Amino acid sequence: MPHIDLSHFPVELNEAERERLASDLTSVIVEHFGTYEGAVSIALHPVPPEAWDERVVGPLIAAQEPRLIKAPAYRPV
């Protein structure tokens, strides 16, 4: 605890970039949730742009709108 599940358009990240992303996200979570680095897990889920609405906007954004702490600038379907 806690676990971050990050959906995103496909992007090429080398190992150093992945490590930096993990470190940056972990630092923010540790600070705000009062936990320790070893408790944090992070998963990356690349989603093709043509599948974004079906796989992300509908089930993960629009359907969970009350739980969002930051909504996208575009209007979910």
PDB file of N, CA and C in Angstrom:
ATOM      1  N   MET A   1       0.867  -1.165   0.000  1.00  0.00           N
ATOM      2  CA  MET A   1       0.000   0.000   0.000  1.00  0.00           C
ATOM      3  C   MET A   1       0.904   1.215   0.000  1.00  0.00           C
ATOM      4  N   PRO A   2       0.693   2.138  -0.794  1.00  0.00           N
ATOM      5  CA  PRO A   2      -0.284   2.271  -1.865  1.00  0.00           C
ATOM      6  C   PRO A   2       0.242   1.780  -3.211  1.00  0.00           C
ATOM      7  N   HIS A   3      -0.696   1.605  -4.140  1.00  0.00           N
ATOM      8  CA  HIS A   3      -0.369   1.139  -5.490  1.00  0.00           C
ATOM      9  C   HIS A   3      -0.860   2.168  -6.497  1.00  0.00           C
ATOM     10  N   ILE A   4      -0.013   2.527  -7.457  1.00  0.00           N
ATOM     11  CA  ILE A   4      -0.375   3.441  -8.541  1.00  0.00           C
ATOM     12  C   ILE A   4      -0.500   2.622  -9.817  1.00  0.00           C
ATOM     13  N   ASP A   5      -1.602   2.804 -10.521  1.00  0.00           N
ATOM     14  CA  ASP A   5      -1.852   2.124 -11.787  1.00  0.00           C
ATOM     15  C   ASP A   5      -2.011   3.213 -12.839  1.00  0.00           C
ATOM     16  N   LEU A   6      -0.977   3.465 -13.624  1.00  0.00           N
ATOM     17  CA  LEU A   6      -0.925   4.612 -14.524  1.00  0.00           C
ATOM     18  C   LEU A   6      -1.168   4.209 -15.974  1.00  0.00           C
ATOM     19  N   SER A   7      -2.314   4.631 -16.511  1.00  0.00           N
ATOM     20  CA  SER A   7      -2.630   4.419 -17.921  1.00  0.00           C
ATOM     21  C   SER A   7      -2.113   5.615 -18.706  1.00  0.00           C
ATOM     22  N   HIS A   8      -1.554   5.353 -19.883  1.00  0.00           N
ATOM     23  CA  HIS A   8      -0.950   6.430 -20.676  1.00  0.00           C
ATOM     24  C   HIS A   8      -0.844   5.994 -22.123  1.00  0.00           C
ATOM     25  N   PHE A   9      -0.695   6.972 -23.032  1.00  0.00           N
ATOM     26  CA  PHE A   9      -0.406   6.630 -24.423  1.00  0.00           C
ATOM     27  C   PHE A   9       0.975   5.988 -24.455  1.00  0.00           C
ATOM     28  N   PRO A  10       1.216   5.064 -25.369  1.00  0.00           N
ATOM     29  CA  PRO A  10       2.526   4.424 -25.458  1.00  0.00           C
ATOM     30  C   PRO A  10       3.648   5.450 -25.634  1.00  0.00           C
ATOM     31  N   VAL A  11       4.690   5.267 -24.880  1.00  0.00           N
ATOM     32  CA  VAL A  11       5.867   6.127 -24.945  1.00  0.00           C
ATOM     33  C   VAL A  11       7.087   5.248 -24.656  1.00  0.00           C
ATOM     34  N   GLU A  12       8.166   5.521 -25.347  1.00  0.00           N
ATOM     35  CA  GLU A  12       9.397   4.764 -25.126  1.00  0.00           C
ATOM     36  C   GLU A  12      10.170   5.385 -23.966  1.00  0.00           C
ATOM     37  N   LEU A  13      10.302   4.652 -22.886  1.00  0.00           N
ATOM     38  CA  LEU A  13      11.112   5.091 -21.748  1.00  0.00           C
ATOM     39  C   LEU A  13      12.272   4.119 -21.597  1.00  0.00           C
ATOM     40  N   ASN A  14      13.482   4.664 -21.531  1.00  0.00           N
ATOM     41  CA  ASN A  14      14.609   3.774 -21.278  1.00  0.00           C
ATOM     42  C   ASN A  14      14.648   3.459 -19.781  1.00  0.00           C
ATOM     43  N   GLU A  15      15.545   2.604 -19.389  1.00  0.00           N
ATOM     44  CA  GLU A  15      15.591   2.163 -17.992  1.00  0.00           C
ATOM     45  C   GLU A  15      15.814   3.325 -17.031  1.00  0.00           C
ATOM     46  N   ALA A  16      16.686   4.252 -17.378  1.00  0.00           N
ATOM     47  CA  ALA A  16      16.948   5.411 -16.512  1.00  0.00           C
ATOM     48  C   ALA A  16      15.699   6.280 -16.371  1.00  0.00           C
ATOM     49  N   GLU A  17      14.962   6.462 -17.459  1.00  0.00           N
ATOM     50  CA  GLU A  17      13.733   7.260 -17.399  1.00  0.00           C
ATOM     51  C   GLU A  17      12.663   6.570 -16.559  1.00  0.00           C
ATOM     52  N   ARG A  18      12.551   5.263 -16.699  1.00  0.00           N
ATOM     53  CA  ARG A  18      11.585   4.498 -15.887  1.00  0.00           C
ATOM     54  C   ARG A  18      11.947   4.593 -14.401  1.00  0.00           C
ATOM     55  N   GLU A  19      13.234   4.470 -14.100  1.00  0.00           N
ATOM     56  CA  GLU A  19      13.677   4.571 -12.709  1.00  0.00           C
ATOM     57  C   GLU A  19      13.403   5.959 -12.143  1.00  0.00           C
ATOM     58  N   ARG A  20      13.637   6.996 -12.937  1.00  0.00           N
ATOM     59  CA  ARG A  20      13.381   8.363 -12.470  1.00  0.00           C
ATOM     60  C   ARG A  20      11.892   8.587 -12.256  1.00  0.00           C
ATOM     61  N   LEU A  21      11.066   8.114 -13.175  1.00  0.00           N
ATOM     62  CA  LEU A  21       9.618   8.228 -13.017  1.00  0.00           C
ATOM     63  C   LEU A  21       9.170   7.516 -11.745  1.00  0.00           C
ATOM     64  N   ALA A  22       9.644   6.303 -11.533  1.00  0.00           N
ATOM     65  CA  ALA A  22       9.287   5.548 -10.334  1.00  0.00           C
ATOM     66  C   ALA A  22       9.739   6.276  -9.072  1.00  0.00           C
ATOM     67  N   SER A  23      10.939   6.812  -9.092  1.00  0.00           N
ATOM     68  CA  SER A  23      11.464   7.538  -7.938  1.00  0.00           C
ATOM     69  C   SER A  23      10.651   8.793  -7.647  1.00  0.00           C
ATOM     70  N   ASP A  24      10.333   9.558  -8.699  1.00  0.00           N
ATOM     71  CA  ASP A  24       9.557  10.791  -8.518  1.00  0.00           C
ATOM     72  C   ASP A  24       8.162  10.495  -7.976  1.00  0.00           C
ATOM     73  N   LEU A  25       7.474   9.526  -8.576  1.00  0.00           N
ATOM     74  CA  LEU A  25       6.134   9.181  -8.103  1.00  0.00           C
ATOM     75  C   LEU A  25       6.178   8.640  -6.675  1.00  0.00           C
ATOM     76  N   THR A  26       7.158   7.806  -6.395  1.00  0.00           N
ATOM     77  CA  THR A  26       7.294   7.244  -5.052  1.00  0.00           C
ATOM     78  C   THR A  26       7.509   8.338  -4.019  1.00  0.00           C
ATOM     79  N   SER A  27       8.342   9.308  -4.314  1.00  0.00           N
ATOM     80  CA  SER A  27       8.597  10.412  -3.375  1.00  0.00           C
ATOM     81  C   SER A  27       7.325  11.169  -3.032  1.00  0.00           C
ATOM     82  N   VAL A  28       6.512  11.447  -4.036  1.00  0.00           N
ATOM     83  CA  VAL A  28       5.255  12.175  -3.804  1.00  0.00           C
ATOM     84  C   VAL A  28       4.311  11.341  -2.937  1.00  0.00           C
ATOM     85  N   ILE A  29       4.198  10.063  -3.228  1.00  0.00           N
ATOM     86  CA  ILE A  29       3.304   9.194  -2.459  1.00  0.00           C
ATOM     87  C   ILE A  29       3.780   9.060  -1.017  1.00  0.00           C
ATOM     88  N   VAL A  30       5.071   8.864  -0.824  1.00  0.00           N
ATOM     89  CA  VAL A  30       5.626   8.763   0.531  1.00  0.00           C
ATOM     90  C   VAL A  30       5.317  10.027   1.322  1.00  0.00           C
ATOM     91  N   GLU A  31       5.508  11.185   0.706  1.00  0.00           N
ATOM     92  CA  GLU A  31       5.264  12.462   1.381  1.00  0.00           C
ATOM     93  C   GLU A  31       3.800  12.626   1.774  1.00  0.00           C
ATOM     94  N   HIS A  32       2.888  12.338   0.869  1.00  0.00           N
ATOM     95  CA  HIS A  32       1.475  12.624   1.112  1.00  0.00           C
ATOM     96  C   HIS A  32       0.735  11.532   1.876  1.00  0.00           C
ATOM     97  N   PHE A  33       1.216  10.301   1.836  1.00  0.00           N
ATOM     98  CA  PHE A  33       0.533   9.211   2.518  1.00  0.00           C
ATOM     99  C   PHE A  33       1.253   8.745   3.779  1.00  0.00           C
ATOM    100  N   GLY A  34       2.397   9.348   4.072  1.00  0.00           N
ATOM    101  CA  GLY A  34       3.107   9.009   5.298  1.00  0.00           C
ATOM    102  C   GLY A  34       3.536   7.554   5.353  1.00  0.00           C
ATOM    103  N   THR A  35       3.949   7.022   4.233  1.00  0.00           N
ATOM    104  CA  THR A  35       4.383   5.636   4.177  1.00  0.00           C
ATOM    105  C   THR A  35       5.875   5.593   3.857  1.00  0.00           C
ATOM    106  N   TYR A  36       6.398   4.445   3.519  1.00  0.00           N
ATOM    107  CA  TYR A  36       7.815   4.325   3.196  1.00  0.00           C
ATOM    108  C   TYR A  36       7.969   3.795   1.770  1.00  0.00           C
ATOM    109  N   GLU A  37       9.126   4.028   1.171  1.00  0.00           N
ATOM    110  CA  GLU A  37       9.362   3.688  -0.234  1.00  0.00           C
ATOM    111  C   GLU A  37       9.051   2.234  -0.564  1.00  0.00           C
ATOM    112  N   GLY A  38       9.412   1.329   0.320  1.00  0.00           N
ATOM    113  CA  GLY A  38       9.210  -0.092   0.059  1.00  0.00           C
ATOM    114  C   GLY A  38       7.755  -0.517   0.013  1.00  0.00           C
ATOM    115  N   ALA A  39       6.857   0.333   0.468  1.00  0.00           N
ATOM    116  CA  ALA A  39       5.434   0.000   0.455  1.00  0.00           C
ATOM    117  C   ALA A  39       4.754   0.374  -0.856  1.00  0.00           C
ATOM    118  N   VAL A  40       5.408   1.191  -1.658  1.00  0.00           N
ATOM    119  CA  VAL A  40       4.799   1.725  -2.881  1.00  0.00           C
ATOM    120  C   VAL A  40       5.059   0.784  -4.058  1.00  0.00           C
ATOM    121  N   SER A  41       4.007   0.536  -4.843  1.00  0.00           N
ATOM    122  CA  SER A  41       4.163  -0.202  -6.102  1.00  0.00           C
ATOM    123  C   SER A  41       3.534   0.620  -7.218  1.00  0.00           C
ATOM    124  N   ILE A  42       4.086   0.480  -8.417  1.00  0.00           N
ATOM    125  CA  ILE A  42       3.645   1.282  -9.561  1.00  0.00           C
ATOM    126  C   ILE A  42       3.580   0.384 -10.791  1.00  0.00           C
ATOM    127  N   ALA A  43       2.468   0.457 -11.509  1.00  0.00           N
ATOM    128  CA  ALA A  43       2.309  -0.278 -12.765  1.00  0.00           C
ATOM    129  C   ALA A  43       2.037   0.708 -13.890  1.00  0.00           C
ATOM    130  N   LEU A  44       2.659   0.480 -15.037  1.00  0.00           N
ATOM    131  CA  LEU A  44       2.417   1.296 -16.222  1.00  0.00           C
ATOM    132  C   LEU A  44       1.576   0.495 -17.213  1.00  0.00           C
ATOM    133  N   HIS A  45       0.544   1.139 -17.746  1.00  0.00           N
ATOM    134  CA  HIS A  45      -0.344   0.494 -18.712  1.00  0.00           C
ATOM    135  C   HIS A  45      -0.439   1.343 -19.969  1.00  0.00           C
ATOM    136  N   PRO A  46       0.394   1.071 -20.973  1.00  0.00           N
ATOM    137  CA  PRO A  46       0.280   1.817 -22.225  1.00  0.00           C
ATOM    138  C   PRO A  46      -1.009   1.432 -22.954  1.00  0.00           C
ATOM    139  N   VAL A  47      -1.727   2.453 -23.406  1.00  0.00           N
ATOM    140  CA  VAL A  47      -2.992   2.254 -24.114  1.00  0.00           C
ATOM    141  C   VAL A  47      -2.906   3.010 -25.439  1.00  0.00           C
ATOM    142  N   PRO A  48      -3.144   2.338 -26.556  1.00  0.00           N
ATOM    143  CA  PRO A  48      -3.105   3.033 -27.843  1.00  0.00           C
ATOM    144  C   PRO A  48      -4.152   4.146 -27.893  1.00  0.00           C
ATOM    145  N   PRO A  49      -3.844   5.259 -28.549  1.00  0.00           N
ATOM    146  CA  PRO A  49      -4.795   6.376 -28.609  1.00  0.00           C
ATOM    147  C   PRO A  49      -6.185   5.973 -29.096  1.00  0.00           C
ATOM    148  N   GLU A  50      -6.238   5.067 -30.070  1.00  0.00           N
ATOM    149  CA  GLU A  50      -7.541   4.662 -30.602  1.00  0.00           C
ATOM    150  C   GLU A  50      -8.365   3.842 -29.609  1.00  0.00           C
ATOM    151  N   ALA A  51      -7.759   3.332 -28.560  1.00  0.00           N
ATOM    152  CA  ALA A  51      -8.468   2.551 -27.544  1.00  0.00           C
ATOM    153  C   ALA A  51      -8.686   3.342 -26.253  1.00  0.00           C
ATOM    154  N   TRP A  52      -8.200   4.580 -26.198  1.00  0.00           N
ATOM    155  CA  TRP A  52      -8.231   5.374 -24.966  1.00  0.00           C
ATOM    156  C   TRP A  52      -9.645   5.539 -24.409  1.00  0.00           C
ATOM    157  N   ASP A  53     -10.586   5.951 -25.243  1.00  0.00           N
ATOM    158  CA  ASP A  53     -11.954   6.172 -24.759  1.00  0.00           C
ATOM    159  C   ASP A  53     -12.554   4.899 -24.177  1.00  0.00           C
ATOM    160  N   GLU A  54     -12.403   3.798 -24.892  1.00  0.00           N
ATOM    161  CA  GLU A  54     -12.997   2.536 -24.463  1.00  0.00           C
ATOM    162  C   GLU A  54     -12.339   1.970 -23.199  1.00  0.00           C
ATOM    163  N   ARG A  55     -11.023   2.014 -23.140  1.00  0.00           N
ATOM    164  CA  ARG A  55     -10.298   1.377 -22.031  1.00  0.00           C
ATOM    165  C   ARG A  55     -10.062   2.282 -20.823  1.00  0.00           C
ATOM    166  N   VAL A  56     -10.029   3.600 -21.051  1.00  0.00           N
ATOM    167  CA  VAL A  56      -9.672   4.508 -19.958  1.00  0.00           C
ATOM    168  C   VAL A  56     -10.779   5.508 -19.644  1.00  0.00           C
ATOM    169  N   VAL A  57     -11.195   6.286 -20.642  1.00  0.00           N
ATOM    170  CA  VAL A  57     -12.163   7.354 -20.374  1.00  0.00           C
ATOM    171  C   VAL A  57     -13.452   6.799 -19.791  1.00  0.00           C
ATOM    172  N   GLY A  58     -14.040   5.814 -20.438  1.00  0.00           N
ATOM    173  CA  GLY A  58     -15.303   5.263 -19.945  1.00  0.00           C
ATOM    174  C   GLY A  58     -15.189   4.623 -18.573  1.00  0.00           C
ATOM    175  N   PRO A  59     -14.401   3.550 -18.446  1.00  0.00           N
ATOM    176  CA  PRO A  59     -14.374   2.822 -17.178  1.00  0.00           C
ATOM    177  C   PRO A  59     -13.548   3.449 -16.058  1.00  0.00           C
ATOM    178  N   LEU A  60     -12.508   4.207 -16.384  1.00  0.00           N
ATOM    179  CA  LEU A  60     -11.612   4.701 -15.335  1.00  0.00           C
ATOM    180  C   LEU A  60     -11.776   6.178 -15.012  1.00  0.00           C
ATOM    181  N   ILE A  61     -12.357   6.944 -15.918  1.00  0.00           N
ATOM    182  CA  ILE A  61     -12.531   8.378 -15.666  1.00  0.00           C
ATOM    183  C   ILE A  61     -14.003   8.702 -15.454  1.00  0.00           C
ATOM    184  N   ALA A  62     -14.819   8.522 -16.495  1.00  0.00           N
ATOM    185  CA  ALA A  62     -16.235   8.885 -16.396  1.00  0.00           C
ATOM    186  C   ALA A  62     -16.954   8.087 -15.309  1.00  0.00           C
ATOM    187  N   ALA A  63     -16.704   6.791 -15.244  1.00  0.00           N
ATOM    188  CA  ALA A  63     -17.397   5.943 -14.273  1.00  0.00           C
ATOM    189  C   ALA A  63     -16.945   6.185 -12.836  1.00  0.00           C
ATOM    190  N   GLN A  64     -15.801   6.802 -12.667  1.00  0.00           N
ATOM    191  CA  GLN A  64     -15.272   7.031 -11.319  1.00  0.00           C
ATOM    192  C   GLN A  64     -15.105   8.514 -11.020  1.00  0.00           C
ATOM    193  N   GLU A  65     -15.852   9.343 -11.722  1.00  0.00           N
ATOM    194  CA  GLU A  65     -15.706  10.791 -11.593  1.00  0.00           C
ATOM    195  C   GLU A  65     -15.755  11.293 -10.147  1.00  0.00           C
ATOM    196  N   PRO A  66     -16.630  10.778  -9.288  1.00  0.00           N
ATOM    197  CA  PRO A  66     -16.660  11.276  -7.907  1.00  0.00           C
ATOM    198  C   PRO A  66     -15.355  11.031  -7.130  1.00  0.00           C
ATOM    199  N   ARG A  67     -14.572  10.047  -7.557  1.00  0.00           N
ATOM    200  CA  ARG A  67     -13.333   9.719  -6.851  1.00  0.00           C
ATOM    201  C   ARG A  67     -12.109  10.422  -7.408  1.00  0.00           C
ATOM    202  N   LEU A  68     -12.243  11.075  -8.567  1.00  0.00           N
ATOM    203  CA  LEU A  68     -11.090  11.747  -9.178  1.00  0.00           C
ATOM    204  C   LEU A  68     -10.631  12.917  -8.310  1.00  0.00           C
ATOM    205  N   ILE A  69      -9.341  13.048  -8.113  1.00  0.00           N
ATOM    206  CA  ILE A  69      -8.825  14.239  -7.427  1.00  0.00           C
ATOM    207  C   ILE A  69      -8.329  15.259  -8.441  1.00  0.00           C
ATOM    208  N   LYS A  70      -8.229  14.849  -9.703  1.00  0.00           N
ATOM    209  CA  LYS A  70      -7.941  15.751 -10.817  1.00  0.00           C
ATOM    210  C   LYS A  70      -8.577  15.160 -12.060  1.00  0.00           C
ATOM    211  N   ALA A  71      -9.466  15.922 -12.663  1.00  0.00           N
ATOM    212  CA  ALA A  71     -10.129  15.484 -13.890  1.00  0.00           C
ATOM    213  C   ALA A  71      -9.363  16.015 -15.096  1.00  0.00           C
ATOM    214  N   PRO A  72      -9.492  15.344 -16.244  1.00  0.00           N
ATOM    215  CA  PRO A  72      -8.833  15.852 -17.443  1.00  0.00           C
ATOM    216  C   PRO A  72      -9.514  17.121 -17.933  1.00  0.00           C
ATOM    217  N   ALA A  73      -8.799  17.897 -18.728  1.00  0.00           N
ATOM    218  CA  ALA A  73      -9.362  19.129 -19.284  1.00  0.00           C
ATOM    219  C   ALA A  73     -10.410  18.827 -20.346  1.00  0.00           C
ATOM    220  N   TYR A  74     -10.327  17.644 -20.975  1.00  0.00           N
ATOM    221  CA  TYR A  74     -11.348  17.265 -21.950  1.00  0.00           C
ATOM    222  C   TYR A  74     -12.536  16.659 -21.220  1.00  0.00           C
ATOM    223  N   ARG A  75     -13.669  16.681 -21.860  1.00  0.00           N
ATOM    224  CA  ARG A  75     -14.898  16.184 -21.244  1.00  0.00           C
ATOM    225  C   ARG A  75     -15.015  14.680 -21.463  1.00  0.00           C
ATOM    226  N   PRO A  76     -15.042  13.877 -20.396  1.00  0.00           N
ATOM    227  CA  PRO A  76     -15.229  12.433 -20.559  1.00  0.00           C
ATOM    228  C   PRO A  76     -16.576  12.131 -21.215  1.00  0.00           C
ATOM    229  N   VAL A  77     -16.609  11.060 -21.997  1.00  0.00           N
ATOM    230  CA  VAL A  77     -17.861  10.651 -22.653  1.00  0.00           C
ATOM    231  C   VAL A  77     -18.850  10.107 -21.656  1.00  0.00           C
TER     232      VAL A  77
END
